[in-house]
Amino acid sequence: MKQILISILFLQMFFIGFSQQQVIRKQAQGNVTVKANEKLGNGKTNDFTGKYEEGRFIYLEDDGEMYLQRTNFKLKLTKIDKDYYKMVYSIPVNNELPNVRFVRDSSGKVIGINFVFKDGRKDFKKKQN
């Protein structure tokens, strides 16, 4: 019986700790969740804004800044060079944040994003609209 009570207490503490971490994470992420038809940003567009593969959205906010949004987080895009941006997260992260290079076709239209990692790897995501 004592072991059962200890197990229950442990599970309660684990659940409370896990719930608190989720709250902290959501607060750090600005409580953002993208739904399939949700309009992001201020409605203004540029060459880069739109939906990309795997649920990525690029949009402009009222402050004129550009953001990359996924389901539970958003990253500010800070311009490095023409079509080349650095992703900036609102809190420090342990994982590498790759840079973003927008890919254009021969007519100059943006057709996708290349996530460029420090080791030279690239991960292409096609623009869907």
N, C-alpha and C. Protein backbone atom coordinates (compact mmCIF):
# COMPACT_ATOMS: atom_id res chain seq x y z
N MET A 1 0.82 -1.19 0.00
CA MET A 1 0.00 0.00 0.00
C MET A 1 0.87 1.26 0.00
N LYS A 2 1.95 1.20 0.79
CA LYS A 2 2.84 2.35 0.87
C LYS A 2 3.48 2.64 -0.49
N GLN A 3 3.85 1.57 -1.21
CA GLN A 3 4.46 1.74 -2.52
C GLN A 3 3.48 2.36 -3.52
N ILE A 4 2.21 1.99 -3.41
CA ILE A 4 1.19 2.55 -4.29
C ILE A 4 1.04 4.04 -4.03
N LEU A 5 1.01 4.44 -2.77
CA LEU A 5 0.88 5.85 -2.41
C LEU A 5 2.09 6.64 -2.90
N ILE A 6 3.27 6.08 -2.76
CA ILE A 6 4.48 6.75 -3.23
C ILE A 6 4.43 6.90 -4.75
N SER A 7 3.97 5.86 -5.43
CA SER A 7 3.85 5.92 -6.90
C SER A 7 2.86 7.00 -7.32
N ILE A 8 1.74 7.07 -6.63
CA ILE A 8 0.72 8.08 -6.95
C ILE A 8 1.28 9.48 -6.72
N LEU A 9 1.97 9.68 -5.61
CA LEU A 9 2.56 10.98 -5.32
C LEU A 9 3.59 11.36 -6.39
N PHE A 10 4.41 10.40 -6.79
CA PHE A 10 5.40 10.65 -7.82
C PHE A 10 4.73 11.06 -9.12
N LEU A 11 3.68 10.33 -9.53
CA LEU A 11 2.97 10.65 -10.76
C LEU A 11 2.33 12.03 -10.69
N GLN A 12 1.79 12.40 -9.54
CA GLN A 12 1.20 13.72 -9.38
C GLN A 12 2.26 14.81 -9.52
N MET A 13 3.41 14.60 -8.89
CA MET A 13 4.49 15.58 -8.98
C MET A 13 4.98 15.69 -10.42
N PHE A 14 5.11 14.53 -11.10
CA PHE A 14 5.55 14.54 -12.49
C PHE A 14 4.56 15.30 -13.36
N PHE A 15 3.25 15.03 -13.18
CA PHE A 15 2.23 15.69 -13.98
C PHE A 15 2.23 17.20 -13.73
N ILE A 16 2.33 17.62 -12.48
CA ILE A 16 2.36 19.04 -12.16
C ILE A 16 3.58 19.69 -12.78
N GLY A 17 4.74 19.05 -12.66
CA GLY A 17 5.97 19.58 -13.26
C GLY A 17 5.85 19.68 -14.77
N PHE A 18 5.29 18.64 -15.38
CA PHE A 18 5.11 18.63 -16.83
C PHE A 18 4.15 19.75 -17.25
N SER A 19 3.05 19.91 -16.53
CA SER A 19 2.08 20.95 -16.85
C SER A 19 2.70 22.34 -16.73
N GLN A 20 3.51 22.55 -15.69
CA GLN A 20 4.16 23.85 -15.52
C GLN A 20 5.11 24.12 -16.68
N GLN A 21 5.84 23.10 -17.12
CA GLN A 21 6.75 23.27 -18.26
C GLN A 21 5.97 23.66 -19.51
N GLN A 22 4.80 23.04 -19.72
CA GLN A 22 3.98 23.37 -20.88
C GLN A 22 3.52 24.82 -20.82
N VAL A 23 3.12 25.28 -19.63
CA VAL A 23 2.67 26.67 -19.46
C VAL A 23 3.82 27.62 -19.75
N ILE A 24 4.99 27.33 -19.21
CA ILE A 24 6.17 28.18 -19.43
C ILE A 24 6.50 28.22 -20.92
N ARG A 25 6.48 27.06 -21.56
CA ARG A 25 6.81 26.98 -22.99
C ARG A 25 5.80 27.79 -23.81
N LYS A 26 4.51 27.66 -23.50
CA LYS A 26 3.49 28.41 -24.24
C LYS A 26 3.65 29.91 -24.02
N GLN A 27 3.99 30.32 -22.79
CA GLN A 27 4.19 31.74 -22.54
C GLN A 27 5.37 32.26 -23.34
N ALA A 28 6.44 31.49 -23.39
CA ALA A 28 7.63 31.91 -24.14
C ALA A 28 7.34 31.98 -25.63
N GLN A 29 6.41 31.15 -26.09
CA GLN A 29 6.10 31.13 -27.51
C GLN A 29 4.96 32.08 -27.86
N GLY A 30 4.47 32.80 -26.90
CA GLY A 30 3.40 33.75 -27.18
C GLY A 30 2.05 33.09 -27.38
N ASN A 31 1.88 31.87 -26.86
CA ASN A 31 0.61 31.15 -26.98
C ASN A 31 0.09 31.11 -28.42
N VAL A 32 0.96 30.81 -29.35
CA VAL A 32 0.56 30.80 -30.74
C VAL A 32 0.34 29.38 -31.23
N THR A 33 -0.75 29.19 -31.94
CA THR A 33 -1.05 27.92 -32.57
C THR A 33 -1.63 28.23 -33.94
N VAL A 34 -1.08 27.61 -34.95
CA VAL A 34 -1.56 27.86 -36.31
C VAL A 34 -2.61 26.81 -36.64
N LYS A 35 -3.74 27.27 -37.09
CA LYS A 35 -4.77 26.38 -37.59
C LYS A 35 -4.73 26.47 -39.11
N ALA A 36 -5.27 25.48 -39.77
CA ALA A 36 -5.15 25.39 -41.23
C ALA A 36 -5.57 26.66 -41.96
N ASN A 37 -6.65 27.30 -41.54
CA ASN A 37 -7.15 28.46 -42.27
C ASN A 37 -6.95 29.76 -41.50
N GLU A 38 -6.15 29.76 -40.47
CA GLU A 38 -5.95 30.95 -39.65
C GLU A 38 -5.12 31.98 -40.40
N LYS A 39 -5.54 33.22 -40.35
CA LYS A 39 -4.80 34.31 -40.99
C LYS A 39 -3.75 34.82 -40.00
N LEU A 40 -2.52 34.86 -40.43
CA LEU A 40 -1.43 35.31 -39.58
C LEU A 40 -1.03 36.72 -39.95
N GLY A 41 -0.51 37.44 -38.97
CA GLY A 41 0.07 38.75 -39.23
C GLY A 41 -0.97 39.81 -39.53
N ASN A 42 -0.51 40.84 -40.24
CA ASN A 42 -1.34 42.01 -40.48
C ASN A 42 -2.02 41.99 -41.84
N GLY A 43 -1.88 40.91 -42.58
CA GLY A 43 -2.51 40.80 -43.88
C GLY A 43 -1.66 41.34 -45.02
N LYS A 44 -0.60 42.06 -44.69
CA LYS A 44 0.30 42.56 -45.73
C LYS A 44 1.17 41.41 -46.23
N THR A 45 1.59 41.51 -47.46
CA THR A 45 2.40 40.44 -48.05
C THR A 45 3.64 41.02 -48.72
N ASN A 46 4.58 40.14 -48.98
CA ASN A 46 5.74 40.47 -49.81
C ASN A 46 6.09 39.20 -50.59
N ASP A 47 7.21 39.18 -51.25
CA ASP A 47 7.60 38.01 -52.06
C ASP A 47 7.68 36.72 -51.23
N PHE A 48 7.99 36.86 -49.96
CA PHE A 48 8.29 35.69 -49.12
C PHE A 48 7.07 35.13 -48.39
N THR A 49 6.07 35.96 -48.12
CA THR A 49 4.94 35.53 -47.30
C THR A 49 4.14 34.43 -47.98
N GLY A 50 3.61 33.53 -47.16
CA GLY A 50 2.79 32.44 -47.67
C GLY A 50 3.04 31.17 -46.91
N LYS A 51 2.44 30.09 -47.40
CA LYS A 51 2.54 28.78 -46.77
C LYS A 51 3.60 27.95 -47.49
N TYR A 52 4.40 27.25 -46.69
CA TYR A 52 5.44 26.37 -47.21
C TYR A 52 5.18 24.95 -46.68
N GLU A 53 5.88 23.99 -47.26
CA GLU A 53 5.72 22.59 -46.85
C GLU A 53 5.87 22.40 -45.35
N GLU A 54 5.24 21.34 -44.86
CA GLU A 54 5.32 20.90 -43.46
C GLU A 54 4.81 21.96 -42.48
N GLY A 55 3.76 22.68 -42.88
CA GLY A 55 3.10 23.60 -41.96
C GLY A 55 3.89 24.83 -41.59
N ARG A 56 4.73 25.30 -42.47
CA ARG A 56 5.49 26.53 -42.20
C ARG A 56 4.80 27.71 -42.88
N PHE A 57 4.70 28.81 -42.16
CA PHE A 57 4.10 30.02 -42.69
C PHE A 57 5.09 31.17 -42.52
N ILE A 58 5.20 32.00 -43.53
CA ILE A 58 5.98 33.23 -43.44
C ILE A 58 4.96 34.37 -43.51
N TYR A 59 5.05 35.31 -42.56
CA TYR A 59 4.10 36.42 -42.55
C TYR A 59 4.73 37.66 -41.94
N LEU A 60 4.07 38.78 -42.14
CA LEU A 60 4.51 40.07 -41.60
C LEU A 60 3.61 40.45 -40.44
N GLU A 61 4.19 41.00 -39.39
CA GLU A 61 3.40 41.50 -38.27
C GLU A 61 3.27 43.02 -38.39
N ASP A 62 2.48 43.61 -37.50
CA ASP A 62 2.21 45.06 -37.55
C ASP A 62 3.48 45.89 -37.46
N ASP A 63 4.51 45.36 -36.78
CA ASP A 63 5.75 46.12 -36.65
C ASP A 63 6.61 46.07 -37.92
N GLY A 64 6.09 45.38 -38.96
CA GLY A 64 6.82 45.28 -40.23
C GLY A 64 7.83 44.15 -40.26
N GLU A 65 8.01 43.47 -39.13
CA GLU A 65 8.97 42.37 -39.06
C GLU A 65 8.37 41.10 -39.68
N MET A 66 9.26 40.26 -40.22
CA MET A 66 8.83 39.02 -40.84
C MET A 66 9.08 37.86 -39.87
N TYR A 67 8.15 36.89 -39.86
CA TYR A 67 8.23 35.75 -38.96
C TYR A 67 7.97 34.46 -39.71
N LEU A 68 8.62 33.40 -39.21
CA LEU A 68 8.35 32.04 -39.66
C LEU A 68 7.56 31.39 -38.53
N GLN A 69 6.40 30.84 -38.85
CA GLN A 69 5.51 30.25 -37.86
C GLN A 69 5.36 28.76 -38.13
N ARG A 70 5.45 27.98 -37.07
CA ARG A 70 5.07 26.57 -37.12
C ARG A 70 3.99 26.37 -36.10
N THR A 71 3.56 25.16 -35.88
CA THR A 71 2.41 24.89 -35.02
C THR A 71 2.50 25.55 -33.66
N ASN A 72 3.60 25.39 -32.94
CA ASN A 72 3.67 25.89 -31.56
C ASN A 72 4.76 26.92 -31.31
N PHE A 73 5.33 27.47 -32.35
CA PHE A 73 6.35 28.49 -32.11
C PHE A 73 6.50 29.39 -33.32
N LYS A 74 7.06 30.56 -33.08
CA LYS A 74 7.37 31.45 -34.19
C LYS A 74 8.78 31.98 -34.00
N LEU A 75 9.42 32.24 -35.13
CA LEU A 75 10.79 32.73 -35.15
C LEU A 75 10.85 34.00 -35.97
N LYS A 76 11.50 35.01 -35.45
CA LYS A 76 11.68 36.26 -36.17
C LYS A 76 12.76 36.04 -37.23
N LEU A 77 12.55 36.61 -38.40
CA LEU A 77 13.53 36.52 -39.47
C LEU A 77 14.21 37.88 -39.60
N THR A 78 15.51 37.91 -39.34
CA THR A 78 16.31 39.13 -39.42
C THR A 78 17.17 39.07 -40.68
N LYS A 79 17.07 40.10 -41.50
CA LYS A 79 17.75 40.10 -42.79
C LYS A 79 19.27 40.14 -42.63
N ILE A 80 19.95 39.24 -43.35
CA ILE A 80 21.40 39.21 -43.42
C ILE A 80 21.84 39.79 -44.76
N ASP A 81 21.16 39.37 -45.83
CA ASP A 81 21.48 39.77 -47.19
C ASP A 81 20.22 39.58 -48.03
N LYS A 82 20.29 39.91 -49.31
CA LYS A 82 19.13 39.72 -50.18
C LYS A 82 18.70 38.25 -50.16
N ASP A 83 17.45 37.99 -49.84
CA ASP A 83 16.87 36.65 -49.79
C ASP A 83 17.50 35.74 -48.73
N TYR A 84 18.27 36.30 -47.79
CA TYR A 84 18.97 35.49 -46.79
C TYR A 84 18.70 36.07 -45.40
N TYR A 85 18.17 35.23 -44.50
CA TYR A 85 17.73 35.69 -43.18
C TYR A 85 18.23 34.77 -42.07
N LYS A 86 18.34 35.35 -40.90
CA LYS A 86 18.70 34.61 -39.69
C LYS A 86 17.43 34.42 -38.87
N MET A 87 17.22 33.21 -38.34
CA MET A 87 16.08 32.96 -37.47
C MET A 87 16.46 33.31 -36.04
N VAL A 88 15.59 34.05 -35.37
CA VAL A 88 15.84 34.47 -33.99
C VAL A 88 14.66 34.04 -33.14
N TYR A 89 14.94 33.29 -32.08
CA TYR A 89 13.89 32.83 -31.17
C TYR A 89 13.87 33.76 -29.96
N SER A 90 12.70 33.92 -29.35
CA SER A 90 12.54 34.88 -28.25
C SER A 90 13.27 34.48 -26.97
N ILE A 91 13.62 33.19 -26.84
CA ILE A 91 14.39 32.73 -25.68
C ILE A 91 15.57 31.91 -26.18
N PRO A 92 16.64 31.79 -25.40
CA PRO A 92 17.80 31.01 -25.84
C PRO A 92 17.41 29.54 -26.09
N VAL A 93 17.98 28.94 -27.12
CA VAL A 93 17.73 27.54 -27.44
C VAL A 93 19.05 26.79 -27.55
N ASN A 94 19.00 25.51 -27.25
CA ASN A 94 20.19 24.67 -27.33
C ASN A 94 20.45 24.17 -28.74
N ASN A 95 19.39 24.02 -29.52
CA ASN A 95 19.54 23.51 -30.88
C ASN A 95 19.99 24.61 -31.82
N GLU A 96 20.68 24.20 -32.87
CA GLU A 96 21.11 25.16 -33.89
C GLU A 96 19.89 25.65 -34.66
N LEU A 97 19.81 26.95 -34.83
CA LEU A 97 18.79 27.53 -35.70
C LEU A 97 19.46 27.83 -37.04
N PRO A 98 19.02 27.14 -38.10
CA PRO A 98 19.65 27.40 -39.39
C PRO A 98 19.25 28.76 -39.93
N ASN A 99 20.00 29.24 -40.88
CA ASN A 99 19.62 30.45 -41.59
C ASN A 99 18.62 30.08 -42.67
N VAL A 100 17.92 31.07 -43.19
CA VAL A 100 16.89 30.85 -44.20
C VAL A 100 17.29 31.57 -45.48
N ARG A 101 17.38 30.81 -46.57
CA ARG A 101 17.62 31.41 -47.88
C ARG A 101 16.39 31.13 -48.73
N PHE A 102 15.75 32.20 -49.20
CA PHE A 102 14.60 32.04 -50.08
C PHE A 102 15.10 31.72 -51.48
N VAL A 103 14.47 30.73 -52.11
CA VAL A 103 14.88 30.25 -53.43
C VAL A 103 13.92 30.81 -54.47
N ARG A 104 14.47 31.37 -55.53
CA ARG A 104 13.67 31.94 -56.62
C ARG A 104 13.87 31.13 -57.90
N ASP A 105 12.83 31.14 -58.74
CA ASP A 105 12.96 30.51 -60.05
C ASP A 105 13.59 31.50 -61.03
N SER A 106 13.69 31.13 -62.30
CA SER A 106 14.35 31.98 -63.29
C SER A 106 13.61 33.30 -63.53
N SER A 107 12.33 33.35 -63.19
CA SER A 107 11.57 34.60 -63.37
C SER A 107 11.64 35.50 -62.14
N GLY A 108 12.28 35.01 -61.07
CA GLY A 108 12.42 35.81 -59.84
C GLY A 108 11.36 35.54 -58.79
N LYS A 109 10.45 34.61 -59.07
CA LYS A 109 9.39 34.27 -58.12
C LYS A 109 9.93 33.33 -57.04
N VAL A 110 9.58 33.61 -55.77
CA VAL A 110 10.01 32.74 -54.66
C VAL A 110 9.27 31.42 -54.77
N ILE A 111 10.03 30.31 -54.82
CA ILE A 111 9.43 28.98 -54.96
C ILE A 111 9.67 28.09 -53.75
N GLY A 112 10.47 28.58 -52.79
CA GLY A 112 10.73 27.76 -51.61
C GLY A 112 11.75 28.39 -50.68
N ILE A 113 12.06 27.61 -49.64
CA ILE A 113 13.03 28.02 -48.62
C ILE A 113 14.10 26.94 -48.52
N ASN A 114 15.34 27.36 -48.39
CA ASN A 114 16.42 26.46 -48.02
C ASN A 114 16.82 26.82 -46.60
N PHE A 115 16.73 25.86 -45.69
CA PHE A 115 17.27 26.05 -44.35
C PHE A 115 18.74 25.67 -44.43
N VAL A 116 19.62 26.62 -44.15
CA VAL A 116 21.05 26.44 -44.32
C VAL A 116 21.71 26.28 -42.95
N PHE A 117 22.31 25.12 -42.72
CA PHE A 117 22.96 24.82 -41.44
C PHE A 117 24.45 25.17 -41.49
N LYS A 118 25.04 25.32 -40.31
CA LYS A 118 26.46 25.69 -40.22
C LYS A 118 27.38 24.71 -40.93
N ASP A 119 27.00 23.42 -40.93
CA ASP A 119 27.85 22.41 -41.56
C ASP A 119 27.64 22.31 -43.07
N GLY A 120 26.82 23.22 -43.63
CA GLY A 120 26.60 23.24 -45.07
C GLY A 120 25.36 22.51 -45.54
N ARG A 121 24.74 21.73 -44.65
CA ARG A 121 23.51 21.02 -45.05
C ARG A 121 22.42 22.03 -45.41
N LYS A 122 21.56 21.62 -46.33
CA LYS A 122 20.42 22.43 -46.71
C LYS A 122 19.16 21.56 -46.70
N ASP A 123 18.08 22.14 -46.25
CA ASP A 123 16.79 21.45 -46.19
C ASP A 123 15.78 22.32 -46.91
N PHE A 124 15.35 21.88 -48.11
CA PHE A 124 14.46 22.67 -48.94
C PHE A 124 13.00 22.39 -48.62
N LYS A 125 12.20 23.44 -48.54
CA LYS A 125 10.75 23.35 -48.35
C LYS A 125 10.09 24.19 -49.43
N LYS A 126 9.22 23.57 -50.20
CA LYS A 126 8.56 24.21 -51.33
C LYS A 126 7.46 25.17 -50.85
N LYS A 127 7.33 26.30 -51.53
CA LYS A 127 6.24 27.24 -51.26
C LYS A 127 4.97 26.67 -51.87
N GLN A 128 3.88 26.73 -51.12
CA GLN A 128 2.65 26.11 -51.56
C GLN A 128 1.62 27.06 -52.12
N ASN A 129 1.90 28.35 -52.07
CA ASN A 129 0.94 29.29 -52.67
C ASN A 129 1.65 30.47 -53.28
